[in-house]
Amino acid sequence: MLKLVNQRKVKENWETYKEQIKTAMVSTDGGLAYFDGDTKKVLKGIYSRLMNPFHHYMHLWIDDDN
């Protein structure tokens, strides 16, 4: 089941989510070309959007089978 992650959980588990996002970036054909190979900058942008309470266009969903 997919579950929307709230900001508190994003902050608490960012290191785990960050690694999964990096894996998703490189598993897509041409994904790194889209991000220009600068994953740190991209991840910082993703994190800042997820933590911004006024940004309603980016969400983090996880597969939660618990």
Protein backbone atom coordinates (compact mmCIF):
# COMPACT_ATOMS: atom_id res chain seq x y z
CA MET A 1 0.00 0.00 0.00
CA LEU A 2 1.29 3.46 -0.85
CA LYS A 3 1.49 5.94 1.98
CA LEU A 4 2.08 9.69 1.94
CA VAL A 5 5.05 10.64 4.15
CA ASN A 6 4.63 13.70 6.36
CA GLN A 7 7.36 16.30 6.88
CA ARG A 8 8.38 14.96 10.29
CA LYS A 9 9.03 11.49 8.86
CA VAL A 10 10.87 12.94 5.87
CA LYS A 11 13.18 14.79 8.24
CA GLU A 12 13.69 11.74 10.51
CA ASN A 13 14.35 9.29 7.66
CA TRP A 14 15.90 11.53 4.99
CA GLU A 15 19.13 9.52 4.74
CA THR A 16 17.14 6.39 3.84
CA TYR A 17 14.85 8.18 1.42
CA LYS A 18 17.78 10.03 -0.14
CA GLU A 19 19.50 6.76 -1.07
CA GLN A 20 16.30 5.40 -2.58
CA ILE A 21 15.81 8.59 -4.61
CA LYS A 22 19.42 8.38 -5.86
CA THR A 23 18.82 4.77 -6.92
CA ALA A 24 15.67 5.81 -8.78
CA MET A 25 17.56 8.60 -10.55
CA VAL A 26 20.18 6.28 -12.03
CA SER A 27 17.76 3.45 -12.81
CA THR A 28 15.94 5.61 -15.38
CA ASP A 29 17.51 5.75 -18.84
CA GLY A 30 19.01 9.19 -19.22
CA GLY A 31 18.10 10.13 -15.65
CA LEU A 32 21.52 11.50 -14.81
CA ALA A 33 21.57 13.52 -18.00
CA TYR A 34 18.36 15.20 -16.86
CA PHE A 35 19.98 16.04 -13.53
CA ASP A 36 23.27 16.98 -15.19
CA GLY A 37 25.12 14.53 -12.92
CA ASP A 38 24.82 16.84 -9.91
CA THR A 39 22.81 14.63 -7.57
CA LYS A 40 23.71 16.62 -4.44
CA LYS A 41 22.13 19.76 -5.83
CA VAL A 42 19.06 17.86 -7.02
CA LEU A 43 18.61 16.08 -3.68
CA LYS A 44 18.95 19.38 -1.82
CA GLY A 45 16.21 20.83 -4.03
CA ILE A 46 13.94 17.84 -3.46
CA TYR A 47 14.47 18.01 0.30
CA SER A 48 13.79 21.75 0.43
CA ARG A 49 10.54 21.32 -1.52
CA LEU A 50 9.41 18.45 0.69
CA MET A 51 10.11 20.47 3.84
CA ASN A 52 8.46 23.68 2.61
CA PRO A 53 4.93 23.78 4.08
CA PHE A 54 3.79 26.16 1.32
CA HIS A 55 4.95 23.92 -1.55
CA HIS A 56 2.01 21.69 -2.47
CA TYR A 57 3.38 20.21 -5.69
CA MET A 58 5.93 17.73 -4.34
CA HIS A 59 5.08 14.78 -2.13
CA LEU A 60 6.96 11.69 -1.03
CA TRP A 61 5.07 8.42 -1.20
CA ILE A 62 6.44 5.13 0.13
CA ASP A 63 5.40 1.51 -0.14
CA ASP A 64 4.35 0.59 3.39
CA ASP A 65 3.40 -3.05 3.86
CA ASN A 66 3.35 -2.91 7.67
